[in-house]
Amino acid sequence: MPRWMPDWRAMMAEAPELRVPEGPGYVYLVADSHLGDARAPAPEFLRMLDRLAEPRLVVMLGDLFKVWLAHPKYWDHQVRAVIGGFAALRGEGVPTVFVVGNRDYLLPRRSPRAPAAPEGALPFEAVIHGACTLRWGARRYGFTHGDVVNRGDTRYLRWRALSRSAAFEAPFRAMPGPAARWIAQRLESALAGTNRDLKISYPTDELERFAADVLGDLDGFFLGHFHRDTLLTAPGRRGFLRLVPDWFSRRQIVRLAPDGTQETLAVPGGP
């Protein structure tokens, strides 16, 4: 298998395990907000964070911004406001976890089986490259962004391996913020025009193979990326695979209760 081809079982073997103490409240899952696009205003997203009822944990499943260079020197006022929204949750005792998506760059790394220690400006309890698991009472769940699922999209997977390498990141960490943002936006625009048929298609076979490989003894596995709200099962597996709908076009999130009940919530904006 080429080095750039994702190994799902190895990913799960290295996945750190997080825990939520038993008790009332909910785990909230948010995916693919793509803030910075005119169709995804940050104030509306911040109101959603502020209005979550009884949050015990908030998991952001990647693609927070249209393109995000996560080192603080590249942040504009909008990024700072959104990061402030997550910091406000943490200040209220609500931990947040950030799962790195395909539009998120320069986030701190982690060692195998240990979540990354976020840099001082980041309010997240953990930054996850790849996948993580979460134990909540008697149940155990898995999370990843979802961009490694379609192994047929070889052009993207090669780009992913390159763009996550230390050699690629080093110049961005060294150059001034405006120049790095301009280059990142150009790269994203160029990439957006490639493999359009693979991006539009829904890789049912790959999702089924992914579920069979990662579910194991998990009660469920959540991922974003596909901008759909879908529940899948795999033969011989007791758990489910759940695609979390995107906030960007649907204004929806998923709420998970201690007993395993999950709901799709509409979160329209408003004053």
Protein backbone atom coordinates (compact mmCIF):
# COMPACT_ATOMS: atom_id res chain seq x y z
CA MET A 1 0.00 0.00 0.00
CA PRO A 2 1.47 3.45 -0.93
CA ARG A 3 2.47 5.63 2.01
CA TRP A 4 -0.15 8.22 1.06
CA MET A 5 -2.99 5.64 1.06
CA PRO A 6 -4.83 5.72 4.42
CA ASP A 7 -4.70 2.59 6.56
CA TRP A 8 -7.96 2.73 8.51
CA ARG A 9 -7.10 -0.03 10.97
CA ALA A 10 -3.74 1.55 11.78
CA MET A 11 -5.51 4.86 12.25
CA MET A 12 -7.81 3.29 14.84
CA ALA A 13 -4.94 1.51 16.57
CA GLU A 14 -3.32 4.92 17.14
CA ALA A 15 -6.55 6.73 18.04
CA PRO A 16 -6.45 8.39 21.48
CA GLU A 17 -9.39 7.75 23.80
CA LEU A 18 -11.20 10.67 25.40
CA ARG A 19 -13.71 10.43 28.24
CA VAL A 20 -16.82 12.27 29.33
CA PRO A 21 -17.75 11.81 33.01
CA GLU A 22 -21.13 10.23 33.56
CA GLY A 23 -23.99 12.61 34.20
CA PRO A 24 -26.75 14.59 32.48
CA GLY A 25 -26.24 16.70 29.40
CA TYR A 26 -25.31 16.14 25.78
CA VAL A 27 -22.39 15.73 23.42
CA TYR A 28 -22.80 18.05 20.42
CA LEU A 29 -21.28 17.27 17.01
CA VAL A 30 -20.70 20.08 14.52
CA ALA A 31 -19.24 19.53 11.05
CA ASP A 32 -18.19 21.49 7.98
CA SER A 33 -19.17 25.05 8.79
CA HIS A 34 -16.83 26.56 6.12
CA LEU A 35 -16.88 29.96 7.82
CA GLY A 36 -15.46 32.78 5.76
CA ASP A 37 -17.79 31.98 2.88
CA ALA A 38 -20.49 34.63 2.46
CA ARG A 39 -23.09 31.88 2.92
CA ALA A 40 -21.67 30.95 6.34
CA PRO A 41 -21.60 34.05 8.55
CA ALA A 42 -19.55 33.73 11.72
CA PRO A 43 -22.05 35.61 13.97
CA GLU A 44 -24.70 32.98 13.20
CA PHE A 45 -22.27 30.19 14.09
CA LEU A 46 -21.36 31.93 17.35
CA ARG A 47 -25.03 32.26 18.31
CA MET A 48 -25.38 28.51 17.76
CA LEU A 49 -22.47 27.79 20.12
CA ASP A 50 -23.89 30.15 22.73
CA ARG A 51 -27.35 28.51 22.66
CA LEU A 52 -26.37 24.86 23.09
CA ALA A 53 -28.50 23.35 25.85
CA GLU A 54 -26.70 21.41 28.61
CA PRO A 55 -23.47 20.76 26.70
CA ARG A 56 -21.05 18.25 28.23
CA LEU A 57 -18.70 18.19 25.24
CA VAL A 58 -18.59 19.85 21.81
CA VAL A 59 -16.81 18.00 18.99
CA MET A 60 -15.95 20.03 15.90
CA LEU A 61 -15.51 17.52 13.07
CA GLY A 62 -13.31 19.69 10.89
CA ASP A 63 -13.54 22.28 8.11
CA LEU A 64 -14.31 25.06 10.56
CA PHE A 65 -13.37 27.74 8.00
CA LYS A 66 -13.30 27.81 4.21
CA VAL A 67 -9.53 27.65 4.62
CA TRP A 68 -7.89 27.89 8.05
CA LEU A 69 -4.21 28.38 8.78
CA ALA A 70 -4.47 27.67 12.49
CA HIS A 71 -1.31 29.40 13.69
CA PRO A 72 -2.46 32.57 15.54
CA LYS A 73 -0.29 34.92 13.46
CA TYR A 74 -2.53 34.24 10.45
CA TRP A 75 -5.85 34.98 12.15
CA ASP A 76 -8.09 37.84 11.13
CA HIS A 77 -10.86 39.35 13.27
CA GLN A 78 -13.38 36.71 12.17
CA VAL A 79 -11.14 33.80 13.16
CA ARG A 80 -10.41 35.44 16.50
CA ALA A 81 -14.12 35.88 17.16
CA VAL A 82 -14.88 32.22 16.42
CA ILE A 83 -11.98 30.97 18.53
CA GLY A 84 -13.32 33.26 21.25
CA GLY A 85 -16.65 31.47 21.02
CA PHE A 86 -15.00 28.12 21.73
CA ALA A 87 -12.97 29.74 24.50
CA ALA A 88 -16.21 30.97 26.08
CA LEU A 89 -17.50 27.40 26.19
CA ARG A 90 -14.30 26.25 27.84
CA GLY A 91 -14.60 29.09 30.33
CA GLU A 92 -18.00 27.71 31.29
CA GLY A 93 -16.49 24.28 31.92
CA VAL A 94 -17.51 22.76 28.56
CA PRO A 95 -14.57 20.98 26.85
CA THR A 96 -14.26 21.13 23.08
CA VAL A 97 -12.41 18.75 20.76
CA PHE A 98 -11.20 19.69 17.29
CA VAL A 99 -10.91 16.93 14.66
CA VAL A 100 -8.75 18.21 11.80
CA GLY A 101 -10.48 18.41 8.41
CA ASN A 102 -9.18 18.79 4.88
CA ARG A 103 -9.45 22.60 5.05
CA ASP A 104 -7.61 22.95 8.37
CA TYR A 105 -3.83 23.45 8.34
CA LEU A 106 -0.96 24.09 10.78
CA LEU A 107 -2.69 22.59 13.79
CA PRO A 108 -0.45 21.13 16.52
CA ARG A 109 0.53 17.49 16.14
CA ARG A 110 0.00 14.64 18.54
CA SER A 111 1.95 11.50 19.31
CA PRO A 112 0.30 8.08 18.86
CA ARG A 113 -2.43 7.38 21.42
CA ALA A 114 -2.17 10.88 22.90
CA PRO A 115 -4.17 13.90 21.70
CA ALA A 116 -2.21 16.98 20.77
CA ALA A 117 -1.59 19.56 23.46
CA PRO A 118 -3.15 22.67 21.89
CA GLU A 119 -1.04 25.79 21.50
CA GLY A 120 -1.75 28.55 23.99
CA ALA A 121 -4.15 30.47 21.74
CA LEU A 122 -6.30 27.43 20.94
CA PRO A 123 -9.14 26.70 23.40
CA PHE A 124 -9.58 23.02 22.50
CA GLU A 125 -9.05 20.25 25.03
CA ALA A 126 -7.60 18.11 22.25
CA VAL A 127 -6.69 18.43 18.58
CA ILE A 128 -7.14 15.18 16.67
CA HIS A 129 -5.30 14.30 13.47
CA GLY A 130 -6.89 11.14 12.11
CA ALA A 131 -9.36 9.63 14.56
CA CYS A 132 -10.19 9.42 18.25
CA THR A 133 -12.56 7.43 20.42
CA LEU A 134 -14.79 8.68 23.20
CA ARG A 135 -15.97 6.71 26.20
CA TRP A 136 -19.16 7.96 27.82
CA GLY A 137 -20.54 5.68 30.49
CA ALA A 138 -21.01 2.21 29.03
CA ARG A 139 -20.75 3.42 25.43
CA ARG A 140 -17.77 4.05 23.18
CA TYR A 141 -17.76 6.05 19.96
CA GLY A 142 -15.30 6.95 17.22
CA PHE A 143 -14.77 10.23 15.34
CA THR A 144 -12.89 11.40 12.27
CA HIS A 145 -13.42 14.10 9.66
CA GLY A 146 -14.05 11.72 6.75
CA ASP A 147 -11.67 12.88 4.02
CA VAL A 148 -9.66 9.63 4.25
CA VAL A 149 -12.67 7.42 3.48
CA ASN A 150 -12.75 7.60 -0.31
CA ARG A 151 -9.58 5.72 -1.26
CA GLY A 152 -10.56 6.06 -4.91
CA ASP A 153 -9.72 9.78 -4.83
CA THR A 154 -6.00 9.17 -5.20
CA ARG A 155 -5.18 12.69 -6.36
CA TYR A 156 -6.60 14.22 -3.19
CA LEU A 157 -4.95 11.61 -0.96
CA ARG A 158 -1.55 12.40 -2.46
CA TRP A 159 -2.18 16.11 -1.89
CA ARG A 160 -3.27 15.40 1.67
CA ALA A 161 -0.09 13.51 2.46
CA LEU A 162 2.02 16.34 1.03
CA SER A 163 0.12 19.20 2.65
CA ARG A 164 0.30 17.59 6.12
CA SER A 165 4.05 17.02 5.95
CA ALA A 166 6.54 18.99 8.05
CA ALA A 167 8.39 20.04 4.90
CA PHE A 168 5.23 21.60 3.46
CA GLU A 169 4.21 23.33 6.69
CA ALA A 170 7.62 24.83 7.53
CA PRO A 171 7.54 27.68 4.95
CA PHE A 172 3.99 28.64 6.02
CA ARG A 173 5.05 28.85 9.63
CA ALA A 174 7.94 31.14 8.64
CA MET A 175 6.30 33.53 6.15
CA PRO A 176 4.19 36.62 6.97
CA GLY A 177 0.49 36.08 7.55
CA PRO A 178 -0.97 37.86 4.46
CA ALA A 179 1.34 35.98 2.07
CA ALA A 180 0.54 32.60 3.64
CA ARG A 181 -3.21 33.25 3.53
CA TRP A 182 -3.02 34.27 -0.14
CA ILE A 183 -1.08 31.13 -1.09
CA ALA A 184 -3.43 28.88 0.91
CA GLN A 185 -6.48 30.35 -0.83
CA ARG A 186 -4.87 29.89 -4.25
CA LEU A 187 -4.02 26.28 -3.47
CA GLU A 188 -7.55 25.60 -2.26
CA SER A 189 -9.05 27.19 -5.39
CA ALA A 190 -6.83 25.05 -7.61
CA LEU A 191 -7.67 21.90 -5.69
CA ALA A 192 -11.40 22.65 -5.80
CA GLY A 193 -11.39 22.22 -9.57
CA THR A 194 -9.84 18.75 -9.52
CA ASN A 195 -11.53 15.35 -9.31
CA ARG A 196 -14.96 16.99 -9.39
CA ASP A 197 -16.70 13.74 -10.28
CA LEU A 198 -15.17 11.98 -7.27
CA LYS A 199 -16.11 14.81 -4.93
CA ILE A 200 -19.73 14.94 -6.07
CA SER A 201 -20.20 11.16 -6.01
CA TYR A 202 -21.16 9.38 -2.82
CA PRO A 203 -18.68 6.51 -2.20
CA THR A 204 -21.12 3.92 -0.84
CA ASP A 205 -18.75 0.96 -1.24
CA GLU A 206 -15.88 2.79 0.45
CA LEU A 207 -18.11 3.87 3.33
CA GLU A 208 -19.24 0.28 3.85
CA ARG A 209 -15.64 -0.96 3.86
CA PHE A 210 -14.66 1.84 6.21
CA ALA A 211 -17.47 0.90 8.62
CA ALA A 212 -16.41 -2.75 8.60
CA ASP A 213 -12.80 -1.79 9.38
CA VAL A 214 -13.31 0.84 12.09
CA LEU A 215 -16.42 -0.13 14.03
CA GLY A 216 -14.94 -3.10 15.87
CA ASP A 217 -16.41 -2.99 19.38
CA LEU A 218 -17.58 0.62 19.03
CA ASP A 219 -21.22 1.56 19.56
CA GLY A 220 -21.01 4.12 16.80
CA PHE A 221 -18.70 6.15 14.59
CA PHE A 222 -19.30 9.76 13.49
CA LEU A 223 -17.80 11.61 10.56
CA GLY A 224 -18.47 14.76 8.56
CA HIS A 225 -17.01 15.79 5.18
CA PHE A 226 -19.80 14.39 2.99
CA HIS A 227 -22.40 17.08 3.82
CA ARG A 228 -25.09 14.44 4.38
CA ASP A 229 -27.19 13.17 7.25
CA THR A 230 -27.02 9.41 6.88
CA LEU A 231 -26.96 6.38 9.19
CA LEU A 232 -25.21 3.20 7.95
CA THR A 233 -24.57 -0.25 9.39
CA ALA A 234 -22.04 -2.94 8.50
CA PRO A 235 -22.67 -6.71 8.38
CA GLY A 236 -21.44 -8.38 11.55
CA ARG A 237 -20.99 -5.08 13.41
CA ARG A 238 -23.30 -3.98 16.19
CA GLY A 239 -22.38 -0.31 15.85
CA PHE A 240 -23.47 2.30 13.32
CA LEU A 241 -21.68 4.74 11.04
CA ARG A 242 -23.23 8.22 11.16
CA LEU A 243 -22.56 10.99 8.67
CA VAL A 244 -23.05 14.28 10.49
CA PRO A 245 -24.81 16.93 8.36
CA ASP A 246 -22.88 20.06 7.46
CA TRP A 247 -23.60 23.33 9.24
CA PHE A 248 -22.59 25.24 6.09
CA SER A 249 -25.63 24.48 3.91
CA ARG A 250 -28.04 22.77 6.31
CA ARG A 251 -27.57 24.65 9.59
CA GLN A 252 -27.82 21.30 11.39
CA ILE A 253 -25.86 19.62 14.16
CA VAL A 254 -26.16 16.28 15.97
CA ARG A 255 -26.90 15.91 19.68
CA LEU A 256 -25.90 12.71 21.48
CA ALA A 257 -27.51 11.78 24.82
CA PRO A 258 -26.02 9.58 27.58
CA ASP A 259 -28.35 6.70 26.66
CA GLY A 260 -27.09 6.73 23.06
CA THR A 261 -30.07 8.58 21.60
CA GLN A 262 -29.04 10.89 18.78
CA GLU A 263 -30.98 13.77 17.26
CA THR A 264 -30.41 16.02 14.27
CA LEU A 265 -31.10 19.58 15.38
CA ALA A 266 -31.87 22.51 13.13
CA VAL A 267 -30.08 25.60 14.39
CA PRO A 268 -31.35 28.58 12.36
CA GLY A 269 -29.75 31.93 12.95
CA GLY A 270 -31.42 34.87 14.57
CA PRO A 271 -30.75 37.93 16.65
